[in-house]
């Protein structure tokens, strides 16, 4: 794992957690922005706040926005948005749903934290991590956010997991969702399919079989467990050299594969060959993922001594 990546200051969550959220924040909260002070609350004109160009959310539920608008009309803004100063105004860091709902509710001003952001990279980190910590993203948005942290912010998977407080296997499993065909990803975005369904479908090698199982999920409303069982039955790789395993042997191999998948956090295939021999195929999806697996094996070797 890279050791040179600096830690992101105190982070957005630590700033937000300082403020009480058990009562509405009046629009007159804070003071007029003097253009110099940071980490203050001020009442800002919504028209002067630009959208966040690094916003990880692509899908906004209109029903949820309408509910938030009604709540704002009745109780006010519970949690101020967070912004940074830019030339001529402000740029949103977090709170696009609140901005949209407040505008729809007819508000002209909104309470906002004003914080200092040192670079566009830090802006991206704040936007992605804040949304990930709040768990407001759908599975594909979450996966894309992880990928952006890795590709654009040069995080390792381990650093991503530390930032968001998740196991590295969780990060890996979300990243694997981006390998799914577009129709399945769209269903995950819309909430028509759960991330559990998506993880089960990732284990299927053939796109045609993936789509066949996906259509069956959508028409029959299969549970995640039913899909996992269907994947085990239909998604098994063809045995080498035409060797057929007995039903009991196949069941045992599937059990071993599942245990290894759970332990290693990645796709594993156990293949039977002739004379009781076989092979285990372990997939990895990036250099960081390979490093993660090697660390697991090194820990197993250390424990054996």
Protein backbone atom coordinates (compact mmCIF):
# COMPACT_ATOMS: atom_id res chain seq x y z
CA UNK A 1 0.00 0.00 0.00
CA UNK A 2 1.23 3.47 -0.80
CA UNK A 3 2.51 5.31 2.24
CA UNK A 4 2.90 8.73 0.65
CA UNK A 5 -0.76 9.74 0.39
CA UNK A 6 -1.46 12.59 2.85
CA UNK A 7 -4.47 12.32 5.11
CA UNK A 8 -7.28 14.67 4.13
CA UNK A 9 -7.15 17.23 6.96
CA UNK A 10 -10.02 16.96 9.39
CA UNK A 11 -12.45 16.07 6.66
CA UNK A 12 -15.97 17.30 6.01
CA UNK A 13 -17.63 14.94 8.48
CA UNK A 14 -15.71 16.42 11.40
CA UNK A 15 -16.86 19.90 10.45
CA UNK A 16 -20.48 18.88 10.11
CA UNK A 17 -20.49 16.96 13.38
CA UNK A 18 -19.75 20.11 15.34
CA UNK A 19 -23.20 21.53 14.64
CA UNK A 20 -26.45 20.46 16.36
CA UNK A 21 -29.01 18.86 14.08
CA UNK A 22 -31.90 18.43 16.51
CA UNK A 23 -33.59 21.71 15.53
CA UNK A 24 -34.13 23.70 12.37
CA UNK A 25 -31.52 26.29 11.49
CA UNK A 26 -33.16 29.70 10.96
CA UNK A 27 -32.33 31.42 7.71
CA UNK A 28 -30.81 34.29 9.66
CA UNK A 29 -28.33 31.93 11.33
CA UNK A 30 -24.71 32.97 11.36
CA UNK A 31 -23.37 36.28 10.15
CA UNK A 32 -22.75 38.06 6.93
CA UNK A 33 -19.85 36.54 5.07
CA UNK A 34 -16.86 38.86 5.33
CA UNK A 35 -15.10 37.01 2.51
CA UNK A 36 -12.18 36.05 4.74
CA UNK A 37 -13.23 33.80 7.63
CA UNK A 38 -13.50 30.04 7.22
CA UNK A 39 -15.50 27.45 9.15
CA UNK A 40 -18.41 29.81 9.75
CA UNK A 41 -22.14 29.55 9.15
CA UNK A 42 -23.63 32.30 7.01
CA UNK A 43 -26.93 32.83 5.28
CA UNK A 44 -26.19 32.83 1.54
CA UNK A 45 -28.24 33.61 -1.54
CA UNK A 46 -29.01 30.35 -3.32
CA UNK A 47 -28.49 32.06 -6.68
CA UNK A 48 -24.83 32.68 -5.80
CA UNK A 49 -24.09 28.99 -5.09
CA UNK A 50 -22.81 27.05 -8.09
CA UNK A 51 -23.30 23.30 -8.48
CA UNK A 52 -20.53 20.95 -7.43
CA UNK A 53 -18.73 19.78 -10.60
CA UNK A 54 -17.56 16.70 -8.69
CA UNK A 55 -21.02 15.67 -7.47
CA UNK A 56 -21.04 11.84 -7.35
CA UNK A 57 -24.82 11.59 -7.33
CA UNK A 58 -26.38 11.28 -10.76
CA UNK A 59 -29.88 10.18 -9.72
CA UNK A 60 -32.23 12.30 -7.60
CA UNK A 61 -35.55 10.72 -6.63
CA UNK A 62 -38.30 13.30 -7.40
CA UNK A 63 -40.58 11.83 -4.73
CA UNK A 64 -37.88 12.12 -2.07
CA UNK A 65 -37.12 15.69 -3.21
CA UNK A 66 -40.78 16.61 -2.91
CA UNK A 67 -40.88 15.16 0.62
CA UNK A 68 -37.78 17.17 1.53
CA UNK A 69 -39.36 20.34 0.09
CA UNK A 70 -42.45 19.88 2.28
CA UNK A 71 -40.24 19.24 5.32
CA UNK A 72 -38.28 22.44 4.64
CA UNK A 73 -41.48 24.45 4.35
CA UNK A 74 -42.67 23.08 7.69
CA UNK A 75 -39.46 22.86 9.75
CA UNK A 76 -36.77 24.83 7.92
CA UNK A 77 -33.28 23.66 7.00
CA UNK A 78 -32.16 21.00 9.50
CA UNK A 79 -28.59 20.70 8.20
CA UNK A 80 -26.78 23.61 6.49
CA UNK A 81 -25.14 22.93 3.16
CA UNK A 82 -21.36 23.18 2.83
CA UNK A 83 -19.64 25.47 0.33
CA UNK A 84 -16.28 26.94 -0.60
CA UNK A 85 -15.62 30.42 -1.90
CA UNK A 86 -14.90 30.94 -5.58
CA UNK A 87 -14.56 34.12 -7.61
CA UNK A 88 -17.91 35.87 -7.69
CA UNK A 89 -19.70 33.53 -5.30
CA UNK A 90 -19.61 30.05 -3.84
CA UNK A 91 -19.37 26.45 -4.98
CA UNK A 92 -21.36 23.68 -3.36
CA UNK A 93 -19.44 20.86 -1.65
CA UNK A 94 -22.36 18.93 -0.18
CA UNK A 95 -26.12 19.44 0.02
CA UNK A 96 -27.41 19.47 -3.56
CA UNK A 97 -30.69 17.83 -2.52
CA UNK A 98 -31.21 20.56 0.09
CA UNK A 99 -30.39 23.27 -2.45
CA UNK A 100 -32.86 21.85 -4.98
CA UNK A 101 -35.62 21.35 -2.41
CA UNK A 102 -35.09 24.79 -0.86
CA UNK A 103 -35.27 26.44 -4.28
CA UNK A 104 -38.46 24.52 -5.08
CA UNK A 105 -39.87 25.60 -1.71
CA UNK A 106 -39.40 29.23 -2.76
CA UNK A 107 -36.46 30.07 -0.50
CA UNK A 108 -33.98 32.69 -1.67
CA UNK A 109 -31.35 32.06 1.00
CA UNK A 110 -29.97 29.01 2.77
CA UNK A 111 -27.65 28.53 5.78
CA UNK A 112 -24.24 27.27 4.72
CA UNK A 113 -20.91 26.31 6.22
CA UNK A 114 -18.09 28.11 4.46
CA UNK A 115 -14.85 26.15 4.56
CA UNK A 116 -11.48 26.49 2.91
CA UNK A 117 -10.65 23.92 0.24
CA UNK A 118 -7.04 23.93 -0.90
CA UNK A 119 -7.36 22.24 -4.29
CA UNK A 120 -9.76 20.68 -6.78
CA UNK A 121 -8.46 17.27 -5.72
CA UNK A 122 -9.47 17.97 -2.13
CA UNK A 123 -12.84 19.22 -3.42
CA UNK A 124 -13.35 15.88 -5.16
CA UNK A 125 -12.30 13.96 -2.03
CA UNK A 126 -14.71 15.93 0.16
CA UNK A 127 -17.64 15.49 -2.21
CA UNK A 128 -17.09 11.76 -2.71
CA UNK A 129 -16.30 10.84 0.89
CA UNK A 130 -19.11 12.93 2.37
CA UNK A 131 -21.68 11.23 0.14
CA UNK A 132 -20.19 7.79 0.79
CA UNK A 133 -20.21 8.30 4.56
CA UNK A 134 -23.85 9.38 4.45
CA UNK A 135 -24.68 6.30 2.33
CA UNK A 136 -26.98 8.29 0.05
CA UNK A 137 -25.67 6.78 -3.18
CA UNK A 138 -27.05 3.87 -5.17
CA UNK A 139 -24.70 0.88 -5.69
CA UNK A 140 -23.39 2.06 -9.07
CA UNK A 141 -22.82 5.63 -7.83
CA UNK A 142 -20.96 4.13 -4.87
CA UNK A 143 -18.82 1.98 -7.17
CA UNK A 144 -18.04 4.94 -9.43
CA UNK A 145 -17.11 7.03 -6.39
CA UNK A 146 -14.67 4.35 -5.20
CA UNK A 147 -13.17 4.18 -8.68
CA UNK A 148 -12.78 7.96 -8.86
CA UNK A 149 -11.01 8.03 -5.50
CA UNK A 150 -8.61 5.39 -6.85
CA UNK A 151 -8.15 6.84 -10.35
CA UNK A 152 -8.30 10.59 -9.71
CA UNK A 153 -7.21 10.93 -6.08
CA UNK A 154 -4.62 8.12 -6.33
CA UNK A 155 -5.96 6.22 -3.34
CA UNK A 156 -5.33 2.52 -2.90
CA UNK A 157 -8.30 0.29 -2.11
CA UNK A 158 -6.98 0.06 1.45
CA UNK A 159 -6.99 3.86 1.80
CA UNK A 160 -10.51 4.06 0.38
CA UNK A 161 -11.70 1.50 2.94
CA UNK A 162 -10.04 3.46 5.76
CA UNK A 163 -11.59 6.75 4.65
CA UNK A 164 -15.14 5.41 4.50
CA UNK A 165 -14.89 2.91 7.36
CA UNK A 166 -15.62 -0.19 5.27
CA UNK A 167 -13.76 -3.47 4.81
CA UNK A 168 -11.55 -3.58 1.73
CA UNK A 169 -13.52 -6.58 0.45
CA UNK A 170 -16.61 -4.31 0.46
CA UNK A 171 -14.79 -1.79 -1.73
CA UNK A 172 -13.67 -4.58 -4.07
CA UNK A 173 -17.18 -6.01 -4.35
CA UNK A 174 -18.64 -2.63 -5.29
CA UNK A 175 -15.94 -2.05 -7.91
CA UNK A 176 -16.82 -5.39 -9.50
CA UNK A 177 -20.36 -4.11 -10.15
CA UNK A 178 -18.92 -1.85 -12.86
CA UNK A 179 -18.15 -5.00 -14.90
CA UNK A 180 -21.87 -5.77 -15.24
CA UNK A 181 -23.73 -5.11 -18.54
CA UNK A 182 -25.34 -1.68 -18.83
CA UNK A 183 -28.99 -2.86 -18.41
CA UNK A 184 -28.08 -4.45 -15.07
CA UNK A 185 -26.23 -1.32 -13.96
CA UNK A 186 -29.27 0.80 -14.87
CA UNK A 187 -31.49 -1.46 -12.75
CA UNK A 188 -29.07 -1.04 -9.83
CA UNK A 189 -29.17 2.74 -10.28
CA UNK A 190 -32.98 2.77 -10.24
CA UNK A 191 -33.22 0.56 -7.16
CA UNK A 192 -34.92 -2.20 -9.14
CA UNK A 193 -32.05 -4.50 -8.20
CA UNK A 194 -30.12 -4.66 -4.92
CA UNK A 195 -26.34 -4.67 -4.60
CA UNK A 196 -26.68 -8.27 -3.34
CA UNK A 197 -28.30 -9.25 -6.64
CA UNK A 198 -25.52 -7.43 -8.48
CA UNK A 199 -22.76 -9.22 -6.56
CA UNK A 200 -24.35 -12.56 -7.34
CA UNK A 201 -24.56 -11.72 -11.05
CA UNK A 202 -20.90 -10.64 -11.18
CA UNK A 203 -19.96 -14.24 -10.41
CA UNK A 204 -21.46 -15.34 -13.76
CA UNK A 205 -18.82 -15.43 -16.51
CA UNK A 206 -21.00 -15.33 -19.63
CA UNK A 207 -22.84 -12.10 -20.50
CA UNK A 208 -25.67 -14.04 -22.11
CA UNK A 209 -26.24 -16.09 -18.96
CA UNK A 210 -25.95 -12.95 -16.82
CA UNK A 211 -28.71 -11.28 -18.80
CA UNK A 212 -30.85 -14.43 -18.74
CA UNK A 213 -30.68 -14.60 -14.95
CA UNK A 214 -31.22 -10.83 -14.70
CA UNK A 215 -34.43 -11.04 -16.75
CA UNK A 216 -35.62 -13.87 -14.53
CA UNK A 217 -34.96 -11.75 -11.43
CA UNK A 218 -37.00 -8.89 -12.87
CA UNK A 219 -39.94 -11.03 -13.96
CA UNK A 220 -40.08 -13.49 -11.05
CA UNK A 221 -38.85 -11.23 -8.24
CA UNK A 222 -36.12 -13.65 -7.14
CA UNK A 223 -34.45 -13.04 -3.79
CA UNK A 224 -30.67 -12.69 -3.47
CA UNK A 225 -30.45 -16.22 -2.02
CA UNK A 226 -32.45 -17.63 -4.93
CA UNK A 227 -30.15 -15.86 -7.39
CA UNK A 228 -27.03 -17.15 -5.64
CA UNK A 229 -28.41 -20.69 -5.84
CA UNK A 230 -29.31 -20.19 -9.51
CA UNK A 231 -25.82 -18.88 -10.25
CA UNK A 232 -24.25 -21.91 -8.58
CA UNK A 233 -26.41 -24.23 -10.64
CA UNK A 234 -26.10 -22.52 -14.03
CA UNK A 235 -22.92 -20.52 -13.80
CA UNK A 236 -20.46 -23.29 -13.08
CA UNK A 237 -17.52 -23.36 -15.49
CA UNK A 238 -17.25 -26.34 -17.82
CA UNK A 239 -15.03 -29.07 -16.42
CA UNK A 240 -11.74 -29.59 -18.21
CA UNK A 241 -11.21 -32.72 -20.33
CA UNK A 242 -14.88 -33.60 -20.20
CA UNK A 243 -14.76 -34.99 -16.68
CA UNK A 244 -18.17 -35.08 -14.98
CA UNK A 245 -18.41 -34.81 -11.25
CA UNK A 246 -20.98 -36.62 -9.17
CA UNK A 247 -23.79 -34.55 -7.65
CA UNK A 248 -22.24 -34.88 -4.20
CA UNK A 249 -18.83 -33.85 -5.51
CA UNK A 250 -20.27 -30.84 -7.33
CA UNK A 251 -22.06 -29.76 -4.18
CA UNK A 252 -18.86 -30.07 -2.17
CA UNK A 253 -16.90 -28.05 -4.74
CA UNK A 254 -19.58 -25.32 -4.75
CA UNK A 255 -19.37 -25.18 -0.97
CA UNK A 256 -15.59 -24.81 -1.09
CA UNK A 257 -15.86 -22.10 -3.77
CA UNK A 258 -18.36 -20.16 -1.66
CA UNK A 259 -16.17 -20.38 1.45
CA UNK A 260 -13.15 -19.16 -0.49
CA UNK A 261 -15.14 -16.31 -2.08
CA UNK A 262 -16.28 -15.15 1.35
CA UNK A 263 -12.78 -15.40 2.81
CA UNK A 264 -10.90 -13.78 -0.08
CA UNK A 265 -13.57 -11.29 -1.16
CA UNK A 266 -13.27 -12.20 -4.83
CA UNK A 267 -14.41 -14.74 -7.40
CA UNK A 268 -12.92 -18.23 -6.95
CA UNK A 269 -13.30 -21.31 -9.17
CA UNK A 270 -12.44 -24.84 -8.07
CA UNK A 271 -12.01 -27.21 -11.02
CA UNK A 272 -11.75 -30.99 -10.90
CA UNK A 273 -9.33 -32.70 -13.27
CA UNK A 274 -8.35 -36.37 -13.65
CA UNK A 275 -7.11 -38.70 -10.93
CA UNK A 276 -8.52 -36.60 -8.11
CA UNK A 277 -6.43 -33.60 -9.10
CA UNK A 278 -7.71 -30.10 -9.66
CA UNK A 279 -6.95 -26.40 -9.65
CA UNK A 280 -8.13 -23.26 -7.87
CA UNK A 281 -8.49 -20.07 -9.93
CA UNK A 282 -8.58 -16.82 -7.94
CA UNK A 283 -9.49 -13.63 -9.78
CA UNK A 284 -8.21 -10.13 -9.08
CA UNK A 285 -9.30 -6.87 -10.67
CA UNK A 286 -6.45 -4.42 -10.20
CA UNK A 287 -2.86 -4.30 -8.89
CA UNK A 288 -4.25 -3.14 -5.53
CA UNK A 289 -6.63 -6.10 -5.46
CA UNK A 290 -3.72 -8.48 -6.15
CA UNK A 291 -1.75 -6.82 -3.34
CA UNK A 292 -4.72 -7.33 -1.02
CA UNK A 293 -4.81 -11.06 -1.84
CA UNK A 294 -1.06 -11.41 -1.34
CA UNK A 295 -1.40 -9.79 2.08
CA UNK A 296 -4.07 -12.35 3.00
CA UNK A 297 -1.81 -15.23 1.94
CA UNK A 298 1.13 -13.70 3.82
CA UNK A 299 -0.99 -13.52 6.97
CA UNK A 300 -2.02 -17.17 6.56
CA UNK A 301 1.65 -18.17 6.15
CA UNK A 302 2.60 -16.14 9.23
CA UNK A 303 -0.08 -17.84 11.32
CA UNK A 304 1.09 -21.30 10.20
CA UNK A 305 4.57 -20.78 11.64
